[in-house]
Protein backbone atom coordinates (compact mmCIF):
# COMPACT_ATOMS: atom_id res chain seq x y z
CA MET A 1 6.26 5.22 26.58
CA SER A 2 4.25 8.46 26.37
CA ARG A 3 1.49 9.40 28.76
CA GLN A 4 -0.65 10.03 25.69
CA LEU A 5 -0.80 6.30 24.96
CA VAL A 6 -1.78 5.42 28.56
CA GLU A 7 -4.62 7.94 28.41
CA LEU A 8 -5.73 6.39 25.11
CA LEU A 9 -5.81 2.91 26.68
CA ALA A 10 -7.97 4.22 29.53
CA LYS A 11 -10.27 6.06 27.12
CA GLU A 12 -10.75 2.88 25.06
CA LYS A 13 -11.43 0.89 28.28
CA LEU A 14 -8.40 -1.39 27.90
CA ILE A 15 -7.37 -0.30 31.39
CA THR A 16 -9.31 1.39 34.19
CA GLN A 17 -8.85 4.96 35.38
CA PRO A 18 -7.24 3.84 38.68
CA GLN A 19 -4.83 1.62 36.72
CA MET A 20 -3.91 4.59 34.53
CA ASN A 21 -3.28 6.75 37.63
CA GLU A 22 -1.20 3.97 39.15
CA SER A 23 0.99 3.78 36.05
CA ILE A 24 1.45 7.57 36.05
CA GLU A 25 2.61 7.44 39.68
CA ALA A 26 4.97 4.56 38.88
CA ASN A 27 6.41 6.55 35.98
CA LYS A 28 7.40 9.34 38.37
CA SER A 29 9.82 6.90 40.01
CA GLY A 30 11.31 5.98 36.64
CA LYS A 31 9.18 3.01 35.54
CA ASP A 32 8.01 2.71 31.94
CA PHE A 33 4.22 3.18 31.66
CA LEU A 34 3.56 0.22 29.41
CA ARG A 35 5.93 -2.24 31.07
CA PHE A 36 4.35 -1.39 34.41
CA LEU A 37 0.85 -2.16 33.09
CA ILE A 38 2.01 -5.48 31.60
CA GLU A 39 3.96 -6.43 34.71
CA LYS A 40 0.88 -5.81 36.87
CA LYS A 41 -1.15 -7.89 34.37
CA TYR A 42 -3.57 -4.99 33.78
CA VAL A 43 -3.26 -5.64 30.05
CA SER A 44 -1.69 -8.48 28.05
CA GLU A 45 0.94 -7.89 25.37
CA SER A 46 -1.05 -9.77 22.72
CA ARG A 47 -4.21 -7.75 23.34
CA LEU A 48 -2.24 -4.52 23.35
CA LEU A 49 -0.48 -5.39 20.08
CA TYR A 50 -3.79 -6.16 18.36
CA PHE A 51 -5.43 -2.96 19.66
CA LEU A 52 -2.55 -0.65 18.67
CA GLY A 53 -2.24 -2.28 15.25
CA GLN A 54 -5.95 -1.65 14.57
CA LYS A 55 -5.93 1.86 16.06
CA PHE A 56 -2.86 3.14 14.20
CA SER A 57 -3.17 0.95 11.07
CA LEU A 58 0.28 -0.57 11.55
CA PRO A 59 1.34 -4.13 10.71
CA SER A 60 2.87 -6.21 13.51
CA VAL A 61 5.98 -8.39 13.48
CA ASN A 62 7.28 -11.22 15.68
CA LEU A 63 10.83 -10.07 16.39
CA ASP A 64 11.69 -13.33 18.17
CA LYS A 65 11.53 -15.13 14.80
CA PHE A 66 13.22 -12.34 12.86
CA ASN A 67 16.89 -12.59 11.88
CA ILE A 68 18.24 -9.07 11.37
CA LYS A 69 21.35 -8.66 9.25
CA PRO A 70 24.38 -6.83 10.74
CA GLU A 71 24.42 -4.21 7.96
CA VAL A 72 20.80 -3.31 8.85
CA ILE A 73 21.55 -2.99 12.58
CA GLN A 74 24.48 -0.68 11.77
CA LYS A 75 22.05 1.84 10.26
CA ILE A 76 20.95 2.94 13.75
CA PRO A 77 23.54 3.27 16.58
CA VAL A 78 22.65 1.78 19.96
CA ASP A 79 22.13 5.17 21.67
CA LEU A 80 19.72 6.29 18.95
CA ALA A 81 17.88 2.95 19.03
CA ARG A 82 17.28 3.35 22.77
CA LYS A 83 16.36 7.03 22.48
CA THR A 84 13.86 6.52 19.64
CA ARG A 85 12.71 3.09 20.93
CA SER A 86 13.14 1.62 17.48
CA ILE A 87 15.12 -1.27 16.01
CA PRO A 88 15.97 -1.48 12.28
CA ILE A 89 14.87 -4.84 10.89
CA GLN A 90 14.98 -4.59 7.11
CA ILE A 91 15.90 -2.39 4.14
CA ASN A 92 13.61 -2.42 1.09
CA ARG A 93 15.28 -0.37 -1.65
CA ASP A 94 15.29 3.18 -0.24
CA THR A 95 13.13 2.43 2.81
CA LEU A 96 14.27 1.33 6.28
CA ILE A 97 11.72 -0.74 8.25
CA VAL A 98 11.92 -0.23 12.02
CA ALA A 99 10.12 -2.08 14.82
CA ILE A 100 8.54 0.04 17.56
CA TYR A 101 6.21 -0.65 20.49
CA ASP A 102 4.90 2.88 21.07
CA PRO A 103 3.14 4.25 17.94
CA THR A 104 2.65 7.70 19.52
CA GLN A 105 6.36 8.49 19.13
CA VAL A 106 5.94 9.79 15.57
CA SER A 107 8.50 12.58 16.01
CA SER A 108 11.22 10.01 16.80
CA ILE A 109 10.56 8.23 13.51
CA GLU A 110 10.85 11.53 11.66
CA ASP A 111 14.21 12.18 13.35
CA LEU A 112 15.49 8.84 12.07
CA LYS A 113 14.98 9.87 8.46
CA PHE A 114 17.62 12.59 8.77
CA VAL A 115 20.12 10.21 10.38
CA VAL A 116 19.77 7.19 8.06
CA LYS A 117 19.02 9.27 4.95
CA LEU A 118 16.29 6.82 3.94
CA ASN A 119 12.55 6.71 4.13
CA VAL A 120 11.46 5.11 7.41
CA GLU A 121 8.41 2.94 7.92
CA ALA A 122 7.33 1.47 11.25
CA VAL A 123 5.92 -1.90 12.26
CA LEU A 124 4.63 -2.84 15.72
CA THR A 125 6.08 -5.31 18.19
CA THR A 126 5.67 -6.06 21.90
CA PRO A 127 7.82 -4.46 24.63
CA SER A 128 9.32 -7.83 25.65
CA ALA A 129 10.22 -8.71 22.05
CA PHE A 130 11.70 -5.22 21.60
CA ASP A 131 13.84 -5.64 24.75
CA SER A 132 15.03 -9.08 23.64
CA ALA A 133 16.02 -7.78 20.20
CA LEU A 134 17.77 -4.73 21.68
CA HIS A 135 19.73 -7.04 23.98
CA LYS A 136 20.49 -9.54 21.19
CA TYR A 137 21.65 -7.10 18.53
CA TYR A 138 23.08 -4.25 20.62
CA GLY A 139 24.06 -6.00 23.87
CA GLY A 140 27.43 -7.26 25.07
CA ALA A 141 26.92 -10.67 23.45
CA ALA A 142 26.72 -9.08 20.00
CA SER A 143 29.94 -7.12 20.53
CA VAL A 144 31.68 -10.28 21.76
CA GLY A 145 30.96 -12.05 18.47
CA SER A 146 32.07 -9.12 16.32
CA ALA A 147 35.25 -8.67 18.40
CA ILE A 148 36.25 -12.31 17.86
CA GLU A 149 35.66 -12.02 14.12
CA SER A 150 37.65 -8.78 14.00
CA PHE A 151 40.52 -10.39 15.90
CA LYS A 152 40.63 -13.37 13.55
CA LYS A 153 40.64 -11.06 10.54
CA GLU A 154 43.49 -8.92 11.91
CA ASN A 155 45.50 -11.98 12.87
CA LYS A 156 45.09 -13.38 9.37
CA GLU A 157 46.06 -10.13 7.71
CA GLU A 158 48.81 -8.97 10.06
CA GLY A 159 49.95 -12.13 11.87
CA SER A 160 49.51 -10.44 15.25
CA SER A 161 50.22 -12.49 18.38
CA GLY A 162 47.22 -10.94 20.12
CA VAL A 163 49.01 -10.01 23.34
CA ASP A 164 50.24 -6.72 21.89
CA LEU A 165 46.63 -5.65 21.37
CA VAL A 166 46.12 -5.31 25.13
CA GLN A 167 46.22 -1.66 26.16
CA VAL A 168 45.15 0.19 29.27
CA HIS A 169 41.95 2.05 28.41
CA ASP A 170 39.16 3.56 30.45
CA ILE A 171 36.45 0.96 30.01
CA ASP A 172 33.06 1.88 28.63
CA ALA A 173 30.75 -0.84 29.93
CA GLY A 174 28.11 -0.01 27.37
CA GLY A 175 30.23 -1.46 24.57
CA SER A 176 33.34 -0.42 22.67
CA SER A 177 33.73 1.70 19.61
CA ALA A 178 34.76 0.21 16.29
CA GLN A 179 38.22 1.78 16.70
CA ASP A 180 38.98 -0.19 19.89
CA ALA A 181 41.33 -3.16 19.65
CA PRO A 182 39.31 -6.39 19.32
CA VAL A 183 40.50 -7.72 22.70
CA ILE A 184 39.36 -4.55 24.46
CA GLN A 185 36.03 -4.68 22.64
CA LEU A 186 35.67 -8.36 23.56
CA VAL A 187 36.39 -7.85 27.27
CA ASN A 188 34.13 -4.79 27.45
CA GLY A 189 31.36 -6.77 25.78
CA ILE A 190 31.77 -9.67 28.21
CA LEU A 191 31.68 -7.37 31.26
CA ALA A 192 28.66 -5.48 29.90
CA GLU A 193 26.83 -8.73 29.19
CA THR A 194 27.57 -9.97 32.72
CA ILE A 195 26.07 -6.84 34.27
CA ARG A 196 23.07 -6.71 31.91
CA ARG A 197 22.17 -10.30 32.75
CA LYS A 198 22.36 -9.45 36.48
CA ALA A 199 24.89 -12.23 36.98
CA SER A 200 26.66 -12.67 40.30
CA ASP A 201 29.89 -14.15 38.88
CA LEU A 202 31.86 -14.31 35.64
CA HIS A 203 34.09 -17.32 34.84
CA ALA A 204 36.81 -17.20 32.15
CA GLU A 205 38.00 -20.81 31.81
CA PRO A 206 40.87 -21.86 29.50
CA TYR A 207 40.82 -25.26 27.78
CA GLU A 208 42.96 -26.82 25.05
CA THR A 209 40.87 -25.64 22.09
CA LYS A 210 38.97 -22.65 23.51
CA MET A 211 38.30 -20.37 26.43
CA ARG A 212 34.79 -20.77 27.84
CA ILE A 213 33.03 -17.69 29.25
CA ARG A 214 30.23 -18.44 31.71
CA VAL A 215 28.10 -16.30 34.03
CA ARG A 216 26.23 -17.36 37.16
CA ILE A 217 22.61 -16.23 37.18
CA ASP A 218 20.37 -17.11 40.13
CA GLY A 219 22.91 -19.70 41.23
CA VAL A 220 23.20 -21.47 37.84
CA LEU A 221 26.09 -21.12 35.35
CA TYR A 222 25.29 -20.30 31.70
CA GLU A 223 27.78 -20.18 28.83
CA ILE A 224 27.68 -16.86 26.97
CA ALA A 225 30.71 -17.08 24.69
CA GLN A 226 33.60 -19.21 23.46
CA VAL A 227 36.88 -17.40 22.87
CA PRO A 228 39.30 -18.97 20.34
CA PRO A 229 42.56 -20.31 21.85
CA GLU A 230 44.70 -17.64 20.16
CA MET A 231 42.85 -14.95 22.17
CA ARG A 232 43.17 -16.63 25.58
CA ARG A 233 46.39 -14.94 26.71
CA ALA A 234 45.25 -11.53 25.48
CA VAL A 235 41.87 -11.74 27.27
CA VAL A 236 43.49 -12.88 30.53
CA ALA A 237 46.13 -10.13 30.28
CA ARG A 238 43.48 -7.47 29.63
CA LEU A 239 41.41 -8.54 32.65
CA LYS A 240 44.51 -8.73 34.88
CA ILE A 241 45.62 -5.24 33.85
CA MET A 242 42.15 -3.87 34.60
CA ALA A 243 42.23 -5.62 38.02
CA ARG A 244 45.73 -4.24 38.71
CA MET A 245 47.28 -7.70 38.92
CA ASP A 246 50.82 -8.62 37.90
CA ILE A 247 50.50 -9.89 34.32
CA ALA A 248 54.05 -11.26 34.38
CA GLU A 249 53.21 -13.62 37.25
CA THR A 250 51.21 -16.62 36.08
CA ARG A 251 52.34 -19.32 38.55
CA ILE A 252 50.43 -18.28 41.69
CA PRO A 253 46.85 -17.13 42.45
CA GLN A 254 46.25 -13.37 42.53
CA ASP A 255 43.47 -11.09 43.74
CA GLY A 256 42.39 -7.79 42.27
CA ARG A 257 39.51 -5.41 41.75
CA ILE A 258 37.96 -3.78 38.68
CA LYS A 259 35.96 -0.57 39.00
CA LEU A 260 33.78 0.74 36.19
CA LYS A 261 30.64 2.69 35.42
CA PHE A 262 27.74 0.99 33.66
CA GLU A 263 24.73 3.03 32.54
CA GLY A 264 25.54 5.65 35.16
CA LYS A 265 25.97 3.18 38.05
CA ASP A 266 29.18 2.18 39.82
CA VAL A 267 29.93 -1.54 39.52
CA ASP A 268 32.92 -3.33 41.06
CA PHE A 269 34.29 -6.74 40.15
CA ARG A 270 36.35 -8.69 42.70
CA ALA A 271 38.80 -10.68 40.58
CA ASN A 272 40.76 -13.83 41.36
CA SER A 273 43.14 -15.74 39.09
CA ILE A 274 44.49 -19.27 39.48
CA PRO A 275 46.84 -21.27 37.23
CA THR A 276 45.31 -24.25 35.40
CA LEU A 277 46.57 -26.77 32.84
CA TYR A 278 45.92 -24.48 29.82
CA GLY A 279 46.54 -21.08 31.37
CA GLU A 280 45.06 -18.88 34.07
CA LYS A 281 41.39 -19.10 35.00
CA LEU A 282 39.74 -15.90 36.24
CA VAL A 283 36.59 -15.59 38.30
CA LEU A 284 35.05 -12.15 38.79
CA ARG A 285 32.44 -11.57 41.50
CA VAL A 286 30.05 -8.73 40.61
CA LEU A 287 29.74 -6.24 43.46
CA SER A 288 26.96 -3.82 42.56
CA LYS A 289 25.95 -1.80 45.62
CA GLY A 290 22.64 -0.92 44.00
CA ALA A 291 21.82 -4.63 43.73
CA VAL A 292 22.12 -5.21 47.49
CA GLN A 293 18.60 -5.56 48.82
CA LEU A 294 18.45 -4.05 52.33
CA ASP A 295 14.66 -4.05 52.72
CA PHE A 296 13.52 -6.81 55.12
CA SER A 297 10.08 -6.98 53.52
CA LYS A 298 11.69 -8.00 50.21
CA LEU A 299 14.32 -10.38 51.54
CA GLY A 300 11.86 -13.20 52.19
CA PHE A 301 11.39 -13.08 55.98
CA GLU A 302 8.00 -14.22 57.25
CA LYS A 303 6.43 -12.15 59.99
CA GLY A 304 7.22 -14.40 62.97
CA ALA A 305 10.80 -15.08 61.84
CA LEU A 306 11.42 -11.38 61.18
CA GLU A 307 10.25 -10.43 64.68
CA ILE A 308 12.72 -12.88 66.27
CA PHE A 309 15.55 -11.66 64.00
CA GLN A 310 14.82 -7.99 64.79
CA LYS A 311 14.73 -8.79 68.50
CA GLY A 312 18.18 -10.38 68.10
CA PHE A 313 19.92 -7.45 66.40
CA ASN A 314 18.17 -4.84 68.53
CA ALA A 315 19.49 -6.45 71.74
CA PRO A 316 22.00 -4.26 73.64
CA ASN A 317 24.60 -7.05 73.60
CA GLY A 318 25.10 -10.67 72.69
CA LEU A 319 25.90 -12.72 69.60
CA LEU A 320 23.70 -13.00 66.48
CA LEU A 321 24.83 -15.65 64.01
CA VAL A 322 23.74 -16.13 60.38
CA THR A 323 24.60 -19.52 58.90
CA GLY A 324 24.47 -21.20 55.52
CA PRO A 325 26.68 -22.29 52.61
CA THR A 326 28.67 -19.91 50.41
CA GLY A 327 26.36 -17.83 48.21
CA SER A 328 23.27 -18.20 50.41
CA GLY A 329 22.88 -14.46 51.05
CA LYS A 330 24.37 -14.27 54.57
CA THR A 331 26.23 -11.02 53.86
CA THR A 332 23.06 -9.35 52.53
CA THR A 333 21.10 -10.37 55.64
CA LEU A 334 23.79 -8.99 57.97
CA TYR A 335 24.12 -5.75 55.98
CA SER A 336 20.35 -5.37 56.23
CA ALA A 337 20.63 -5.54 60.02
CA LEU A 338 23.54 -3.06 59.99
CA ALA A 339 21.55 -0.65 57.81
CA GLU A 340 18.79 -0.69 60.46
CA LEU A 341 21.32 -0.10 63.26
CA ASN A 342 23.30 2.59 61.40
CA LYS A 343 22.60 5.68 63.51
CA THR A 344 24.80 8.64 64.38
CA THR A 345 24.45 7.73 68.08
CA ASP A 346 26.23 4.36 67.68
CA ASN A 347 29.69 3.24 66.56
CA LEU A 348 29.41 0.43 64.00
CA SER A 349 32.54 -1.44 62.92
CA THR A 350 33.16 -4.48 60.71
CA VAL A 351 36.01 -6.92 60.10
CA GLU A 352 35.63 -8.53 56.66
CA ASP A 353 37.52 -10.67 54.17
CA PRO A 354 37.05 -9.07 51.73
CA VAL A 355 35.10 -5.82 52.19
CA GLU A 356 32.56 -6.25 49.39
CA TYR A 357 30.32 -3.19 49.79
CA ASN A 358 31.19 0.19 51.24
CA PHE A 359 28.53 1.85 53.42
CA GLU A 360 28.52 5.39 54.76
CA GLY A 361 28.57 5.54 58.56
CA ILE A 362 30.13 2.07 59.08
CA ASN A 363 33.86 1.63 59.81
CA GLN A 364 34.99 -1.32 57.70
CA THR A 365 38.31 -3.16 58.13
CA GLN A 366 39.83 -5.48 55.52
CA ILE A 367 41.65 -8.61 56.72
CA ASN A 368 45.29 -8.85 55.60
CA LYS A 369 46.91 -12.16 56.59
CA ASP A 370 50.24 -11.16 54.98
CA VAL A 371 50.83 -8.62 57.76
CA GLY A 372 49.16 -10.65 60.51
CA LEU A 373 45.82 -8.84 60.46
CA THR A 374 43.50 -11.81 61.08
CA PHE A 375 39.86 -11.79 62.18
CA ALA A 376 40.90 -12.40 65.80
CA ASN A 377 43.61 -9.69 65.83
CA ALA A 378 41.38 -7.12 64.12
CA LEU A 379 38.54 -7.93 66.50
CA ARG A 380 40.79 -7.45 69.53
CA ALA A 381 41.85 -4.05 68.17
CA LEU A 382 38.22 -3.06 67.51
CA LEU A 383 37.35 -3.70 71.17
CA ARG A 384 39.66 -0.78 72.00
CA GLN A 385 37.81 1.44 69.49
CA ASP A 386 34.74 2.00 71.71
CA PRO A 387 32.35 -0.03 69.50
CA ASP A 388 28.63 -0.50 69.99
CA VAL A 389 28.04 -2.98 67.17
CA ILE A 390 30.67 -5.24 65.58
CA LEU A 391 30.26 -7.36 62.45
CA VAL A 392 32.78 -10.21 62.08
CA GLY A 393 32.74 -11.47 58.50
CA GLU A 394 33.11 -15.13 59.50
CA ILE A 395 33.96 -17.21 62.58
CA ARG A 396 36.44 -19.70 61.15
CA ASP A 397 38.38 -20.93 64.19
CA PHE A 398 38.47 -21.17 67.97
CA GLU A 399 40.48 -17.97 68.38
CA THR A 400 37.98 -15.82 66.45
CA ALA A 401 35.02 -17.50 68.21
CA GLU A 402 36.59 -16.89 71.61
CA VAL A 403 37.20 -13.18 70.97
CA ALA A 404 33.69 -12.72 69.47
CA ILE A 405 32.06 -14.35 72.49
CA HIS A 406 34.21 -12.26 74.84
CA ALA A 407 33.02 -9.13 73.01
CA ALA A 408 29.38 -10.25 73.27
CA LEU A 409 29.76 -10.88 77.00
CA THR A 410 31.34 -7.47 77.67
CA GLY A 411 28.43 -5.36 76.47
CA HIS A 412 28.76 -5.37 72.68
CA LEU A 413 26.37 -6.57 69.99
CA VAL A 414 28.29 -8.92 67.70
CA LEU A 415 27.00 -10.11 64.30
CA SER A 416 28.77 -12.89 62.43
CA THR A 417 28.45 -15.90 60.12
CA LEU A 418 29.25 -19.61 60.28
CA HIS A 419 29.14 -22.38 57.68
CA THR A 420 26.63 -24.84 59.13
CA ASN A 421 23.58 -26.63 57.71
CA ASP A 422 20.94 -25.31 60.11
CA SER A 423 20.46 -23.23 63.24
CA ILE A 424 20.79 -26.08 65.76
CA SER A 425 24.05 -27.44 64.32
CA THR A 426 25.56 -23.97 64.87
CA ILE A 427 25.40 -24.56 68.62
CA THR A 428 27.16 -27.91 68.38
CA ARG A 429 29.74 -26.40 65.96
CA LEU A 430 30.73 -23.76 68.54
CA VAL A 431 31.06 -26.44 71.24
CA ASN A 432 33.13 -28.63 68.90
CA MET A 433 35.40 -25.65 68.20
CA GLY A 434 36.30 -25.71 71.89
CA ILE A 435 33.95 -23.05 73.28
CA GLU A 436 32.59 -24.07 76.69
CA PRO A 437 28.81 -24.74 76.66
CA PHE A 438 28.21 -22.20 79.44
CA LEU A 439 29.86 -19.48 77.30
CA VAL A 440 27.70 -20.40 74.28
CA VAL A 441 24.57 -20.23 76.45
CA ALA A 442 25.58 -16.88 77.97
CA SER A 443 26.50 -15.14 74.72
CA VAL A 444 24.31 -16.40 71.84
CA ASN A 445 20.94 -14.65 71.42
CA THR A 446 19.69 -15.59 67.95
CA ILE A 447 20.74 -17.94 65.15
CA VAL A 448 19.52 -17.57 61.55
CA ALA A 449 19.99 -20.31 58.95
CA GLN A 450 19.20 -19.42 55.34
CA ARG A 451 19.19 -20.55 51.71
CA LEU A 452 18.44 -18.86 48.40
CA LEU A 453 15.75 -20.36 46.15
CA ARG A 454 15.11 -19.48 42.52
CA THR A 455 11.71 -17.85 42.00
CA ILE A 456 9.18 -18.59 39.27
CA CYS A 457 9.40 -16.31 36.22
CA SER A 458 6.45 -13.88 36.15
CA GLY A 459 6.45 -13.93 32.34
CA CYS A 460 5.58 -17.63 31.99
CA ARG A 461 3.92 -18.56 35.30
CA VAL A 462 1.26 -21.29 35.04
CA ASP A 463 -0.69 -23.35 37.61
CA ASP A 464 0.97 -26.55 38.78
CA LYS A 465 -1.75 -28.83 40.09
CA ALA A 466 0.48 -31.87 39.52
CA SER A 467 2.62 -30.89 42.52
CA ILE A 468 -0.30 -30.85 44.98
CA PRO A 469 -0.21 -34.63 45.83
CA GLU A 470 3.55 -34.34 46.38
CA LEU A 471 3.05 -31.36 48.71
CA MET A 472 0.61 -33.38 50.80
CA LYS A 473 3.34 -35.99 51.31
CA TYR A 474 5.34 -33.27 53.04
CA GLY A 475 2.61 -32.42 55.51
CA VAL A 476 0.63 -29.74 53.68
CA THR A 477 -3.06 -30.01 54.65
CA LYS A 478 -6.09 -29.67 52.39
CA GLU A 479 -7.03 -26.57 54.35
CA GLU A 480 -3.68 -24.94 53.49
CA LEU A 481 -4.09 -25.90 49.83
CA LYS A 482 -7.45 -24.08 49.51
CA ASP A 483 -5.85 -20.64 49.15
CA ALA A 484 -2.54 -21.89 47.72
CA LYS A 485 -1.12 -20.57 44.43
CA VAL A 486 1.03 -23.56 43.47
CA SER A 487 2.75 -22.61 40.21
CA LYS A 488 5.65 -23.31 37.89
CA GLY A 489 7.33 -21.58 34.95
CA SER A 490 6.71 -22.93 31.46
CA GLY A 491 9.81 -21.20 30.03
CA CYS A 492 10.09 -17.99 27.99
CA ALA A 493 12.62 -15.53 26.56
CA GLN A 494 12.73 -13.55 29.82
CA CYS A 495 14.08 -16.52 31.80
CA ASN A 496 16.15 -18.26 29.08
CA GLN A 497 13.45 -20.97 28.91
CA SER A 498 14.29 -22.06 32.48
CA GLY A 499 10.95 -21.06 34.02
CA MET A 500 12.84 -19.41 36.91
CA LYS A 501 14.00 -15.83 37.29
CA GLY A 502 15.30 -14.10 40.41
CA ARG A 503 15.84 -15.51 43.90
CA VAL A 504 14.26 -15.29 47.33
CA ALA A 505 15.67 -16.30 50.71
CA ILE A 506 14.14 -18.80 53.10
CA TYR A 507 14.96 -18.54 56.79
CA GLU A 508 15.09 -20.69 59.91
CA VAL A 509 15.29 -18.30 62.85
CA LEU A 510 16.07 -19.78 66.27
CA ASP A 511 15.33 -17.82 69.43
CA PHE A 512 17.74 -19.35 71.93
CA SER A 513 15.16 -20.03 74.66
CA PRO A 514 15.91 -20.86 78.34
CA ALA A 515 14.79 -24.48 77.77
CA LEU A 516 17.27 -24.91 74.90
CA LYS A 517 20.04 -23.30 76.93
CA GLU A 518 19.45 -25.71 79.77
CA MET A 519 19.62 -28.66 77.35
CA VAL A 520 22.95 -27.38 75.96
CA LEU A 521 24.38 -27.19 79.47
CA ARG A 522 23.28 -30.80 80.04
CA GLY A 523 25.09 -31.87 76.83
CA ALA A 524 21.97 -32.73 74.79
CA SER A 525 22.45 -33.95 71.21
CA ALA A 526 21.64 -31.87 68.11
CA ILE A 527 18.66 -34.16 67.39
CA ASP A 528 17.16 -33.56 70.85
CA LEU A 529 17.80 -29.82 70.58
CA LYS A 530 15.99 -29.72 67.21
CA LYS A 531 13.00 -31.63 68.57
CA GLN A 532 12.73 -29.13 71.42
CA ALA A 533 13.07 -26.15 69.06
CA ILE A 534 10.28 -27.49 66.79
CA GLN A 535 8.08 -27.96 69.87
CA GLU A 536 8.75 -24.26 70.56
CA ASN A 537 7.44 -23.47 67.03
CA LEU A 538 10.74 -23.28 65.17
CA LYS A 539 9.94 -23.09 61.46
CA THR A 540 12.62 -25.11 59.67
CA LEU A 541 14.17 -24.20 56.32
CA ARG A 542 12.02 -26.79 54.54
CA MET A 543 8.84 -25.48 56.23
CA SER A 544 9.77 -21.95 55.16
CA GLY A 545 10.42 -23.16 51.60
CA ILE A 546 7.05 -24.95 51.40
CA THR A 547 5.36 -21.71 52.51
CA LYS A 548 7.00 -20.00 49.50
CA VAL A 549 5.64 -22.81 47.28
CA LEU A 550 2.10 -22.24 48.59
CA GLU A 551 2.51 -18.52 47.91
CA GLY A 552 3.41 -19.32 44.29
CA ARG A 553 6.92 -17.88 44.54
CA THR A 554 8.97 -21.05 43.95
CA THR A 555 8.58 -24.76 43.20
CA LEU A 556 8.66 -27.82 45.44
CA GLY A 557 11.59 -29.22 43.46
CA GLU A 558 13.61 -26.09 44.22
CA VAL A 559 12.84 -26.43 47.96
CA LEU A 560 13.76 -30.12 48.09
CA THR A 561 17.05 -29.44 46.28
CA ALA A 562 18.06 -26.67 48.70
CA THR A 563 16.98 -28.21 52.02
CA VAL A 564 17.64 -31.44 53.91
CA GLU A 565 15.44 -32.70 56.73
CA ASP A 566 16.55 -35.30 59.29
């Protein structure tokens, strides 16, 4: 959006001068002027649409209820649509109607006339409706549909088996050209759609009459496409070739990796295949380094919990453990700590399975069980590499736990993860593994338990007074409710009508105090240890989640689903 329009909004008193200046500053870091103002709720989309329509004498259109024909969309290529911020919606004789959200971009409309060789008239829409339409008609989902139709047509005309269509190409994540084989176009579209939706995983699942394509967004799986059965083998073969797997071997699981560029950013997919009843199922984990959030202030830590955590990873030696189920953000939390510790004066080394993100200044080792390189063996070798800080991807067995504790007791700071439900049960897990209680007490400094909660969509947030009586059942006082912002999402296009978009972590951070250590040495139960920790002001996962509810970031239902209290 042009600066000219922002200045007009300030002149007409739709926004204040400071708000205009704020948007100009935000634009310097790459943010769109108008989207910034709407996101900050300085101006509403409906008010803006009415004002611009009156000011520039342009009719408005609701793109969400508009069904644009494929032959109309083809009039303007995707790159030109993004550049001119316009979407073709209709052709009336010799005139192309385009939807725009910034009426000051008159020169762009004039440029379109020379490309489409038609008269061009503009109508107004909102930025969110424009984004939805751009995604719907030019995104990966659209190319998936056209690729399937193209494949069916070619099969009908030529009797192709489909497998022969698979070729090794450099992938363009932004979508394939019309000349690409349908399978390549289909796979490119699926990968592009996965990245655009900010999904964490892609599932390609074969069944008797179809192949289902699903993506995991904020912890929930959504179906984005159904591939006809005749394309199953070709799609699997294409993905396996891209991941450098053996396409001839279909009887055993395989691992691979896909590297590609998407809109100028490097994105990796960690791929895994496994045989199923109707063919191989593939799951791709999206590894986008730019998506890793290493800023503690944005991870979800509360002040007190963050101070204990920072004390733990800034200690000269000892063991810091992060616990939680798979997909709870443990790796991100540990990488955040490593990023803080990453200085030229220290030697940082990791042992991981697999190495998901590569970071400058950190020596990362990949586990390889086929040649005997286990966590324990790699960790023993690292101790001869003069380390200051060691990250062990996961403590899975007694041997790894023993070596990690030995490293912590011999002057090294060791960071690692465990799969336990809360911070206290981590202590009992180590003892049950066979580690002597006195070694646990001597080595462990800090334990962090965490979960990821879905956050309320900012586009459809509304007050949720109905949840207040329920919150009081869980110990929230009337005093705490006075300044609370209890909310929920009503559902909109931005969040796929779910009311939730994005995720935030909740943390239970245990400072292993002398009193707790003494209880461990005496053989106290997990229940007694937890009671003592709460007396020492431990904020449990549920307490942390309820704080996020009072801040208006998530819902009580989300907290109750993710946490269990004894």
